[in-house]
């Protein structure tokens, strides 16, 4: 069983947030910062790992 991470990203201080789960946190953070994933996080421009 792979270990997993729960992460929270935001667009700016006290702004929109998104809660996600992944087994590869560095790769997932990179994907969010570069807009690689479609959906809520991309639409709201969420890219800052909290």
C-alpha atoms as a PDB file:
ATOM      1  CA  UNK A   1       0.000   0.000   0.000  1.00  0.00           C
ATOM      2  CA  UNK A   2       1.394   3.400  -1.025  1.00  0.00           C
ATOM      3  CA  UNK A   3       1.434   6.210   1.519  1.00  0.00           C
ATOM      4  CA  UNK A   4      -0.744   9.176   0.650  1.00  0.00           C
ATOM      5  CA  UNK A   5      -0.851  12.893   1.293  1.00  0.00           C
ATOM      6  CA  UNK A   6      -3.755  15.210   1.917  1.00  0.00           C
ATOM      7  CA  UNK A   7      -2.988  18.683   0.572  1.00  0.00           C
ATOM      8  CA  UNK A   8      -4.628  22.085   0.466  1.00  0.00           C
ATOM      9  CA  UNK A   9      -4.029  24.649  -2.275  1.00  0.00           C
ATOM     10  CA  UNK A  10      -5.236  28.233  -2.518  1.00  0.00           C
ATOM     11  CA  UNK A  11      -5.143  31.122  -4.976  1.00  0.00           C
ATOM     12  CA  UNK A  12      -4.159  33.786  -2.426  1.00  0.00           C
ATOM     13  CA  UNK A  13      -4.407  34.538   1.279  1.00  0.00           C
ATOM     14  CA  UNK A  14      -7.994  34.036   2.499  1.00  0.00           C
ATOM     15  CA  UNK A  15      -9.103  33.128  -1.015  1.00  0.00           C
ATOM     16  CA  UNK A  16     -10.532  30.037  -2.686  1.00  0.00           C
ATOM     17  CA  UNK A  17      -9.184  26.669  -1.498  1.00  0.00           C
ATOM     18  CA  UNK A  18      -9.110  23.083  -2.747  1.00  0.00           C
ATOM     19  CA  UNK A  19      -8.495  19.905  -0.739  1.00  0.00           C
ATOM     20  CA  UNK A  20      -6.948  16.944  -2.532  1.00  0.00           C
ATOM     21  CA  UNK A  21      -5.315  13.558  -1.955  1.00  0.00           C
ATOM     22  CA  UNK A  22      -2.262  12.187  -3.783  1.00  0.00           C
ATOM     23  CA  UNK A  23       0.543   9.661  -3.413  1.00  0.00           C
ATOM     24  CA  UNK A  24       3.097  11.944  -5.141  1.00  0.00           C
ATOM     25  CA  UNK A  25       2.911  15.416  -3.591  1.00  0.00           C
ATOM     26  CA  UNK A  26       5.768  17.128  -5.507  1.00  0.00           C
ATOM     27  CA  UNK A  27       4.377  16.016  -8.877  1.00  0.00           C
ATOM     28  CA  UNK A  28       0.811  16.999  -7.962  1.00  0.00           C
ATOM     29  CA  UNK A  29       1.901  20.462  -6.745  1.00  0.00           C
ATOM     30  CA  UNK A  30       3.794  20.959 -10.035  1.00  0.00           C
ATOM     31  CA  UNK A  31       0.680  19.952 -12.007  1.00  0.00           C
ATOM     32  CA  UNK A  32      -1.439  22.508 -10.156  1.00  0.00           C
ATOM     33  CA  UNK A  33       1.125  25.310 -10.577  1.00  0.00           C
ATOM     34  CA  UNK A  34       1.333  24.663 -14.329  1.00  0.00           C
ATOM     35  CA  UNK A  35      -2.414  24.250 -14.911  1.00  0.00           C
ATOM     36  CA  UNK A  36      -2.105  20.641 -16.088  1.00  0.00           C
ATOM     37  CA  UNK A  37      -5.313  19.425 -14.415  1.00  0.00           C
ATOM     38  CA  UNK A  38      -8.778  20.487 -15.567  1.00  0.00           C
ATOM     39  CA  UNK A  39     -11.476  21.261 -13.029  1.00  0.00           C
ATOM     40  CA  UNK A  40     -12.185  23.493 -10.050  1.00  0.00           C
ATOM     41  CA  UNK A  41      -8.543  24.139  -9.128  1.00  0.00           C
ATOM     42  CA  UNK A  42      -7.653  25.269 -12.662  1.00  0.00           C
ATOM     43  CA  UNK A  43     -10.813  27.363 -13.080  1.00  0.00           C
ATOM     44  CA  UNK A  44     -10.133  29.260  -9.829  1.00  0.00           C
ATOM     45  CA  UNK A  45      -6.367  29.494 -10.504  1.00  0.00           C
ATOM     46  CA  UNK A  46      -5.447  27.639  -7.327  1.00  0.00           C
ATOM     47  CA  UNK A  47      -1.710  26.990  -7.227  1.00  0.00           C
ATOM     48  CA  UNK A  48      -0.286  27.864  -3.796  1.00  0.00           C
ATOM     49  CA  UNK A  49       0.362  24.843  -1.555  1.00  0.00           C
ATOM     50  CA  UNK A  50      -0.808  25.746   1.937  1.00  0.00           C
END
